[in-house]
Amino acid sequence: MKSGDEQGLRGDPAKAWSDNEESRRRQLREDAGRSLAENLAEGLALSEYLSTFTGAARPRPVKLQPVATA
C-alpha cells in the first residue's frame, strides 16, 4: 500500500482545495441535472443508511444476571 506522500495526498494545500472545489461543483451540476424526486430519494436513502451508525461507537450496557445465593 502506498503512503499518503507517495499518492500525492500531502502536497500543496491550495491544490487540494482546488481539486475539492472542482469535485464539489461537478457533483452540484450532476445533481442539478436530476429531478428533485431523485435527489430527495437519494438523500433519504443516505440518511437512513447513516442512521444505522448512530451509537455504534458507544459501548452497550451489560445486563447483569442475578446471582443465586445459597
C-alpha atoms as a PDB file:
ATOM      1  CA  MET A   1       0.000   0.000   0.000  1.00  0.00           C
ATOM      2  CA  LYS A   2       1.312   3.437  -0.914  1.00  0.00           C
ATOM      3  CA  SER A   3       1.734   6.127   1.710  1.00  0.00           C
ATOM      4  CA  GLY A   4      -0.071   9.439   1.543  1.00  0.00           C
ATOM      5  CA  ASP A   5       3.126  11.106   0.362  1.00  0.00           C
ATOM      6  CA  GLU A   6       3.550   8.535  -2.421  1.00  0.00           C
ATOM      7  CA  GLN A   7      -0.032   9.129  -3.543  1.00  0.00           C
ATOM      8  CA  GLY A   8       0.482  12.875  -3.511  1.00  0.00           C
ATOM      9  CA  LEU A   9      -2.086  13.405  -0.770  1.00  0.00           C
ATOM     10  CA  ARG A  10       0.104  15.673   1.321  1.00  0.00           C
ATOM     11  CA  GLY A  11       1.026  18.075  -1.408  1.00  0.00           C
ATOM     12  CA  ASP A  12       0.038  21.656  -1.924  1.00  0.00           C
ATOM     13  CA  PRO A  13      -2.992  22.613   0.247  1.00  0.00           C
ATOM     14  CA  ALA A  14      -4.124  25.119  -2.370  1.00  0.00           C
ATOM     15  CA  LYS A  15      -4.215  22.364  -4.999  1.00  0.00           C
ATOM     16  CA  ALA A  16      -6.114  20.082  -2.626  1.00  0.00           C
ATOM     17  CA  TRP A  17      -8.666  22.838  -2.042  1.00  0.00           C
ATOM     18  CA  SER A  18      -8.923  23.490  -5.775  1.00  0.00           C
ATOM     19  CA  ASP A  19      -9.435  19.778  -6.523  1.00  0.00           C
ATOM     20  CA  ASN A  20     -12.096  19.521  -3.821  1.00  0.00           C
ATOM     21  CA  GLU A  21     -13.880  22.599  -5.103  1.00  0.00           C
ATOM     22  CA  GLU A  22     -13.857  21.229  -8.656  1.00  0.00           C
ATOM     23  CA  SER A  23     -15.295  17.934  -7.426  1.00  0.00           C
ATOM     24  CA  ARG A  24     -17.983  19.721  -5.397  1.00  0.00           C
ATOM     25  CA  ARG A  25     -19.050  21.822  -8.384  1.00  0.00           C
ATOM     26  CA  ARG A  26     -19.155  18.768 -10.658  1.00  0.00           C
ATOM     27  CA  GLN A  27     -21.407  16.973  -8.151  1.00  0.00           C
ATOM     28  CA  LEU A  28     -23.688  20.019  -7.924  1.00  0.00           C
ATOM     29  CA  ARG A  29     -24.015  20.115 -11.731  1.00  0.00           C
ATOM     30  CA  GLU A  30     -24.865  16.394 -11.782  1.00  0.00           C
ATOM     31  CA  ASP A  31     -27.448  16.872  -9.030  1.00  0.00           C
ATOM     32  CA  ALA A  32     -28.970  19.827 -10.884  1.00  0.00           C
ATOM     33  CA  GLY A  33     -29.469  17.615 -13.927  1.00  0.00           C
ATOM     34  CA  ARG A  34     -31.586  15.125 -11.986  1.00  0.00           C
ATOM     35  CA  SER A  35     -35.138  15.539 -10.807  1.00  0.00           C
ATOM     36  CA  LEU A  36     -35.936  16.759  -7.325  1.00  0.00           C
ATOM     37  CA  ALA A  37     -37.562  13.395  -6.593  1.00  0.00           C
ATOM     38  CA  GLU A  38     -34.344  11.539  -7.481  1.00  0.00           C
ATOM     39  CA  ASN A  39     -32.214  13.818  -5.315  1.00  0.00           C
ATOM     40  CA  LEU A  40     -34.676  13.549  -2.432  1.00  0.00           C
ATOM     41  CA  ALA A  41     -34.813   9.744  -2.675  1.00  0.00           C
ATOM     42  CA  GLU A  42     -31.010   9.558  -2.684  1.00  0.00           C
ATOM     43  CA  GLY A  43     -30.790  11.896   0.306  1.00  0.00           C
ATOM     44  CA  LEU A  44     -33.345   9.883   2.257  1.00  0.00           C
ATOM     45  CA  ALA A  45     -31.579   6.607   1.458  1.00  0.00           C
ATOM     46  CA  LEU A  46     -28.256   8.068   2.592  1.00  0.00           C
ATOM     47  CA  SER A  47     -29.823   9.410   5.778  1.00  0.00           C
ATOM     48  CA  GLU A  48     -31.385   6.026   6.545  1.00  0.00           C
ATOM     49  CA  TYR A  49     -28.071   4.269   5.928  1.00  0.00           C
ATOM     50  CA  LEU A  50     -26.118   6.690   8.113  1.00  0.00           C
ATOM     51  CA  SER A  51     -28.674   6.373  10.910  1.00  0.00           C
ATOM     52  CA  THR A  52     -27.607   2.731  11.289  1.00  0.00           C
ATOM     53  CA  PHE A  53     -24.312   4.033  12.689  1.00  0.00           C
ATOM     54  CA  THR A  54     -25.973   6.032  15.465  1.00  0.00           C
ATOM     55  CA  GLY A  55     -24.454   4.963  18.737  1.00  0.00           C
ATOM     56  CA  ALA A  56     -22.236   2.349  17.099  1.00  0.00           C
ATOM     57  CA  ALA A  57     -19.138   3.669  18.854  1.00  0.00           C
ATOM     58  CA  ARG A  58     -20.755   3.725  22.269  1.00  0.00           C
ATOM     59  CA  PRO A  59     -20.327   0.683  24.480  1.00  0.00           C
ATOM     60  CA  ARG A  60     -23.551  -1.169  25.057  1.00  0.00           C
ATOM     61  CA  PRO A  61     -24.651  -1.593  28.655  1.00  0.00           C
ATOM     62  CA  VAL A  62     -24.064  -5.049  30.068  1.00  0.00           C
ATOM     63  CA  LYS A  63     -27.118  -6.735  31.514  1.00  0.00           C
ATOM     64  CA  LEU A  64     -26.189  -8.345  34.785  1.00  0.00           C
ATOM     65  CA  GLN A  65     -27.817 -11.621  35.696  1.00  0.00           C
ATOM     66  CA  PRO A  66     -28.985 -12.089  39.272  1.00  0.00           C
ATOM     67  CA  VAL A  67     -26.679 -14.284  41.311  1.00  0.00           C
ATOM     68  CA  ALA A  68     -28.275 -17.078  43.267  1.00  0.00           C
ATOM     69  CA  THR A  69     -27.282 -17.094  46.907  1.00  0.00           C
ATOM     70  CA  ALA A  70     -27.019 -20.332  48.848  1.00  0.00           C
END
